[in-house]
N, C-alpha and C. Protein backbone atom coordinates (compact mmCIF):
# COMPACT_ATOMS: atom_id res chain seq x y z
N MET A 1 0.81 -1.02 0.00
CA MET A 1 -0.15 -0.21 0.03
C MET A 1 1.06 1.17 -0.05
N ARG A 2 0.66 2.27 -0.82
CA ARG A 2 0.99 3.60 -0.72
C ARG A 2 0.51 4.39 0.06
N ILE A 3 0.89 5.14 0.49
CA ILE A 3 0.86 6.26 1.60
C ILE A 3 1.09 7.48 1.05
N ILE A 4 0.39 8.49 1.07
CA ILE A 4 0.77 9.75 0.23
C ILE A 4 0.37 10.51 1.89
N ASP A 5 1.49 11.51 2.01
CA ASP A 5 1.60 12.41 3.10
C ASP A 5 0.89 13.63 2.55
N THR A 6 -0.21 14.46 2.89
CA THR A 6 -0.63 15.60 2.37
C THR A 6 -0.15 16.25 3.26
N GLY A 7 0.58 16.40 4.38
CA GLY A 7 1.23 17.58 4.93
C GLY A 7 0.11 18.21 6.24
N ILE A 8 -0.98 17.78 5.98
CA ILE A 8 -2.09 18.27 6.82
C ILE A 8 -2.15 17.90 8.35
N THR A 9 -2.08 18.99 9.26
CA THR A 9 -1.65 18.21 10.67
C THR A 9 -2.77 19.05 11.40
N LYS A 10 -3.05 18.60 12.66
CA LYS A 10 -4.03 18.87 13.39
C LYS A 10 -3.99 20.54 13.88
N GLU A 11 -2.72 20.65 13.83
CA GLU A 11 -2.27 22.33 14.36
C GLU A 11 -3.28 22.96 13.06
N MET A 12 -2.81 22.51 11.84
CA MET A 12 -3.37 23.39 10.31
C MET A 12 -4.97 23.41 10.45
N LEU A 13 -5.43 22.54 11.02
CA LEU A 13 -6.93 22.70 11.23
C LEU A 13 -7.61 23.34 12.37
N SER A 14 -6.30 23.94 13.57
CA SER A 14 -7.24 24.81 14.61
C SER A 14 -6.94 26.10 14.13
N GLY A 15 -7.74 26.86 14.92
CA GLY A 15 -7.63 28.62 14.76
C GLY A 15 -6.38 29.11 14.84
N ASP A 16 -5.37 28.41 15.53
CA ASP A 16 -4.20 28.95 15.57
C ASP A 16 -3.29 29.02 14.60
N ASN A 17 -3.59 28.49 13.57
CA ASN A 17 -2.65 28.36 12.12
C ASN A 17 -3.43 29.12 11.09
N CYS A 18 -4.59 29.73 11.30
CA CYS A 18 -5.45 30.61 10.48
C CYS A 18 -4.36 32.06 9.92
N PRO A 19 -4.68 32.16 8.84
CA PRO A 19 -4.03 33.56 8.43
C PRO A 19 -4.89 34.86 9.34
N GLN A 20 -4.03 35.71 9.55
CA GLN A 20 -4.17 37.14 9.99
C GLN A 20 -4.10 38.27 9.05
N LEU A 21 -4.87 39.16 9.50
CA LEU A 21 -4.73 40.45 8.80
C LEU A 21 -4.60 41.46 9.53
N LYS A 22 -3.74 42.45 9.41
CA LYS A 22 -3.25 43.54 10.14
C LYS A 22 -4.02 44.79 9.72
N ILE A 23 -4.69 45.15 10.58
CA ILE A 23 -5.38 46.42 10.14
C ILE A 23 -5.58 47.50 11.37
N VAL A 24 -4.68 48.35 11.13
CA VAL A 24 -4.05 49.60 11.86
C VAL A 24 -3.15 48.65 12.82
N ASP A 25 -3.41 48.84 13.99
CA ASP A 25 -2.54 47.72 15.09
C ASP A 25 -3.13 46.83 15.64
N LYS A 26 -4.22 46.07 14.73
CA LYS A 26 -4.78 44.92 15.54
C LYS A 26 -4.75 44.04 14.25
N LEU A 27 -4.92 42.63 14.68
CA LEU A 27 -4.99 41.26 14.05
C LEU A 27 -5.73 41.00 13.94
N TYR A 28 -6.37 40.47 13.11
CA TYR A 28 -7.91 39.71 12.57
C TYR A 28 -7.59 38.46 12.06
N THR A 29 -8.31 37.43 12.76
CA THR A 29 -7.95 35.92 12.23
C THR A 29 -8.95 35.77 10.86
N VAL A 30 -8.54 35.25 9.98
CA VAL A 30 -9.38 34.89 8.91
C VAL A 30 -9.85 33.23 9.05
N ASP A 31 -10.96 33.14 8.86
CA ASP A 31 -11.32 31.51 8.84
C ASP A 31 -11.41 31.30 7.39
N ASN A 32 -10.07 30.58 7.20
CA ASN A 32 -9.96 29.81 5.82
C ASN A 32 -10.22 28.39 5.68
N ARG A 33 -11.54 27.87 6.31
CA ARG A 33 -11.81 26.60 6.14
C ARG A 33 -12.66 26.50 4.96
N GLN A 34 -12.50 25.34 4.28
CA GLN A 34 -13.56 25.00 3.13
C GLN A 34 -14.81 25.45 3.14
N LYS A 35 -15.79 25.22 4.44
CA LYS A 35 -17.18 25.55 4.44
C LYS A 35 -17.48 26.99 4.35
N THR A 36 -16.31 28.15 4.79
CA THR A 36 -16.39 29.16 5.00
C THR A 36 -16.15 29.81 3.75
N PHE A 37 -14.96 29.21 2.79
CA PHE A 37 -15.16 29.55 1.44
C PHE A 37 -16.31 29.23 0.44
N GLU A 38 -17.08 28.21 0.90
CA GLU A 38 -18.33 27.49 -0.03
C GLU A 38 -19.14 28.80 0.26
N GLU A 39 -19.47 29.04 1.75
CA GLU A 39 -20.27 30.09 2.03
C GLU A 39 -20.15 31.54 1.50
N ILE A 40 -19.04 31.89 1.34
CA ILE A 40 -18.60 33.07 0.70
C ILE A 40 -18.85 33.04 -0.68
N THR A 41 -18.77 31.96 -1.19
CA THR A 41 -18.89 31.86 -2.84
C THR A 41 -20.12 31.98 -3.16
N LYS A 42 -21.22 31.36 -2.35
CA LYS A 42 -22.53 31.60 -2.23
C LYS A 42 -23.28 33.11 -2.21
N VAL A 43 -22.61 33.62 -1.37
CA VAL A 43 -22.78 35.13 -0.96
C VAL A 43 -22.21 35.85 -2.34
N GLN A 44 -21.47 35.77 -2.51
CA GLN A 44 -20.88 36.39 -4.01
C GLN A 44 -21.87 36.30 -5.27
N LYS A 45 -22.29 35.41 -5.38
CA LYS A 45 -23.39 34.83 -6.29
C LYS A 45 -24.83 35.14 -5.95
N ASN A 46 -25.24 35.67 -4.88
CA ASN A 46 -26.26 35.92 -4.49
C ASN A 46 -26.95 37.52 -4.86
N ASN A 47 -27.52 37.20 -5.80
CA ASN A 47 -27.97 38.64 -6.76
C ASN A 47 -29.00 39.21 -6.18
N GLU A 48 -29.87 38.85 -4.71
CA GLU A 48 -30.43 39.54 -3.74
C GLU A 48 -29.99 40.41 -3.15
N LEU A 49 -28.77 40.33 -2.61
CA LEU A 49 -27.90 41.39 -2.03
C LEU A 49 -27.50 42.34 -2.76
N ASP A 50 -27.36 43.69 -2.14
CA ASP A 50 -26.62 44.57 -2.90
C ASP A 50 -25.01 44.39 -2.09
N ASP A 51 -24.23 45.45 -2.84
CA ASP A 51 -22.82 45.20 -2.81
C ASP A 51 -22.73 45.36 -1.16
N SER A 52 -23.04 46.20 -0.45
CA SER A 52 -23.06 46.25 0.66
C SER A 52 -23.43 45.21 1.79
N GLU A 53 -24.64 44.68 1.50
CA GLU A 53 -25.07 43.50 2.35
C GLU A 53 -23.79 42.21 1.86
N ARG A 54 -23.58 42.16 0.73
CA ARG A 54 -22.85 41.07 0.24
C ARG A 54 -21.37 41.13 1.08
N THR A 55 -20.83 42.56 0.89
CA THR A 55 -19.38 42.77 1.87
C THR A 55 -19.48 42.55 3.28
N ASN A 56 -20.60 42.89 3.73
CA ASN A 56 -20.65 42.85 5.16
C ASN A 56 -20.87 41.24 5.68
N LYS A 57 -21.61 40.46 4.87
CA LYS A 57 -21.81 39.14 4.92
C LYS A 57 -20.32 38.34 4.66
N ILE A 58 -19.74 38.66 3.72
CA ILE A 58 -18.15 38.19 3.43
C ILE A 58 -17.45 38.60 4.96
N TYR A 59 -17.64 39.78 5.54
CA TYR A 59 -16.70 40.07 6.45
C TYR A 59 -16.82 39.41 7.44
N GLU A 60 -18.27 38.93 8.00
CA GLU A 60 -18.90 38.39 8.99
C GLU A 60 -18.38 36.81 8.94
N LEU A 61 -18.41 36.24 7.74
CA LEU A 61 -18.05 34.80 7.69
C LEU A 61 -16.71 34.73 7.63
N ALA A 62 -16.09 35.71 7.07
CA ALA A 62 -14.38 35.44 7.07
C ALA A 62 -13.68 35.90 8.32
N LEU A 63 -14.17 37.09 9.10
CA LEU A 63 -13.36 37.52 10.34
C LEU A 63 -14.35 36.98 11.67
N GLY A 64 -15.90 37.02 11.38
CA GLY A 64 -16.45 36.62 12.64
C GLY A 64 -17.53 38.28 12.78
N LYS A 65 -18.67 37.87 13.56
CA LYS A 65 -19.11 39.25 13.70
C LYS A 65 -19.11 40.33 14.17
N GLU A 66 -17.96 40.01 15.29
CA GLU A 66 -17.52 41.07 16.11
C GLU A 66 -16.48 41.94 15.34
N ALA A 67 -15.38 41.55 14.52
CA ALA A 67 -14.51 41.72 13.59
C ALA A 67 -14.96 42.70 12.90
N ALA A 68 -15.84 41.85 11.98
CA ALA A 68 -16.85 42.81 11.11
C ALA A 68 -17.22 44.09 11.47
N LYS A 69 -18.02 43.86 12.37
CA LYS A 69 -18.40 45.34 12.97
C LYS A 69 -17.54 46.14 13.50
N GLU A 70 -16.25 45.85 14.03
CA GLU A 70 -15.33 46.94 14.31
C GLU A 70 -14.66 47.52 13.01
N ILE A 71 -14.64 46.39 11.90
CA ILE A 71 -13.86 47.12 10.72
C ILE A 71 -14.88 48.17 10.10
N LEU A 72 -16.08 47.53 10.19
CA LEU A 72 -17.32 48.44 9.13
C LEU A 72 -17.50 49.81 9.91
N GLU A 73 -17.19 50.04 11.42
CA GLU A 73 -17.24 50.99 12.04
C GLU A 73 -15.98 52.06 11.87
N MET A 74 -14.57 51.60 11.21
CA MET A 74 -13.78 52.19 10.93
C MET A 74 -14.29 53.10 9.76
N ASN A 75 -15.38 52.84 9.07
CA ASN A 75 -15.50 53.68 7.92
C ASN A 75 -14.33 53.95 7.01
N LEU A 76 -13.64 53.03 6.59
CA LEU A 76 -12.60 52.91 5.67
C LEU A 76 -12.74 53.89 4.33
N PRO A 77 -11.57 54.25 3.83
CA PRO A 77 -11.58 54.92 2.60
C PRO A 77 -12.05 53.65 1.41
N VAL A 78 -13.06 54.20 0.39
CA VAL A 78 -13.46 53.04 -0.64
C VAL A 78 -12.04 52.21 -1.10
N GLU A 79 -10.81 52.71 -1.36
CA GLU A 79 -9.86 52.10 -1.83
C GLU A 79 -9.66 51.12 -1.11
N SER A 80 -9.10 51.52 0.00
CA SER A 80 -8.76 50.58 1.30
C SER A 80 -9.83 49.62 1.50
N ALA A 81 -11.17 49.77 1.64
CA ALA A 81 -12.37 48.89 1.90
C ALA A 81 -12.09 47.78 0.40
N VAL A 82 -11.83 48.36 -0.57
CA VAL A 82 -11.91 47.17 -1.73
C VAL A 82 -10.64 46.65 -1.42
N TYR A 83 -9.54 47.14 -1.06
CA TYR A 83 -8.33 46.14 -1.32
C TYR A 83 -8.34 45.30 0.15
N LEU A 84 -8.93 45.61 1.15
CA LEU A 84 -9.35 44.64 2.10
C LEU A 84 -10.10 43.33 1.91
N SER A 85 -11.38 43.73 0.84
CA SER A 85 -11.84 42.61 0.69
C SER A 85 -10.81 41.53 -0.19
N TYR A 86 -9.77 42.12 -0.92
CA TYR A 86 -8.77 41.33 -1.65
C TYR A 86 -7.98 40.57 -0.86
N CYS A 87 -7.52 41.29 0.29
CA CYS A 87 -7.02 40.63 1.28
C CYS A 87 -7.47 39.52 1.95
N ILE A 88 -8.77 39.44 2.44
CA ILE A 88 -9.71 38.31 2.82
C ILE A 88 -9.60 37.24 1.72
N MET A 89 -9.80 37.43 0.89
CA MET A 89 -10.03 36.30 -0.13
C MET A 89 -8.46 35.89 -0.44
N GLY A 90 -7.34 36.62 -0.64
CA GLY A 90 -6.19 35.96 -0.68
C GLY A 90 -5.69 35.44 0.73
N ALA A 91 -6.36 35.85 2.00
CA ALA A 91 -5.82 34.91 2.97
C ALA A 91 -6.58 33.84 2.95
N ILE A 92 -7.65 33.25 2.65
CA ILE A 92 -8.62 32.16 2.39
C ILE A 92 -7.98 31.31 1.35
N ILE A 93 -7.70 31.61 0.30
CA ILE A 93 -7.30 30.77 -0.81
C ILE A 93 -5.51 30.88 -0.61
N GLY A 94 -4.88 31.71 -0.19
CA GLY A 94 -3.47 31.63 0.08
C GLY A 94 -2.77 32.25 -1.14
N GLU A 95 -3.63 33.07 -1.70
CA GLU A 95 -2.57 34.08 -2.90
C GLU A 95 -2.52 35.45 -2.45
N ASP A 96 -1.49 36.00 -3.36
CA ASP A 96 -1.50 37.30 -2.88
C ASP A 96 -2.45 38.25 -3.26
N PRO A 97 -2.93 38.93 -2.47
CA PRO A 97 -3.99 39.97 -2.60
C PRO A 97 -4.07 41.02 -3.62
N LYS A 98 -2.71 41.69 -4.34
CA LYS A 98 -2.38 42.48 -5.22
C LYS A 98 -2.62 41.45 -6.51
N LYS A 99 -2.38 40.51 -6.58
CA LYS A 99 -2.20 39.61 -7.74
C LYS A 99 -3.82 39.45 -8.11
N LEU A 100 -4.54 38.99 -7.00
CA LEU A 100 -5.97 38.91 -7.12
C LEU A 100 -6.68 40.20 -7.36
N GLN A 101 -6.08 41.32 -7.24
CA GLN A 101 -6.81 42.67 -7.95
C GLN A 101 -6.30 42.88 -8.95
N ASP A 102 -5.18 42.83 -9.38
CA ASP A 102 -4.61 43.08 -10.83
C ASP A 102 -5.35 42.00 -11.35
N GLU A 103 -5.60 40.95 -11.46
CA GLU A 103 -6.25 39.92 -12.15
C GLU A 103 -7.94 40.37 -12.63
N ALA A 104 -8.63 40.96 -11.42
CA ALA A 104 -9.89 41.25 -11.37
C ALA A 104 -9.81 42.68 -12.08
N ARG A 105 -8.87 43.60 -12.06
CA ARG A 105 -8.87 44.80 -13.11
C ARG A 105 -8.72 44.48 -14.58
N LYS A 106 -8.03 43.14 -14.73
CA LYS A 106 -7.68 42.78 -16.20
C LYS A 106 -9.21 42.52 -16.76
N ASN A 107 -10.01 41.88 -16.08
CA ASN A 107 -11.35 41.08 -16.50
C ASN A 107 -12.46 42.02 -16.50
C-alpha cells in the first residue's frame, strides 16, 4: 500500500494556524476553512443582496461578527475597503491580494 502524506496536521485545522490580517495595529484572524469559502462563494453569487450587504456578510463569515462590526465602524476609504476584500480572499485561498486585484482589473 502506498501512503501519500498530505502535510495536513491537527495544528493546520485549528484556529491557531489561520491567516491573520493586520488593520491599523490589530490582528484579525481569517477563517480559511473550506466550508467558509463555500459560504462566501454563495454570498458572492447572491443577486438578492446589494454590494454593501454582500461585503458585510463576507466580512462576518471570514472574520466573525465582532471583527466585521469593528472594521465596518472604521469607515475605511473606498480604496482601502476594496483592497481589504482582496486581502480577505487572498488569505483564504493562499494567494497574494495584489495579484488577485490585478487579475480582477484585467477582466
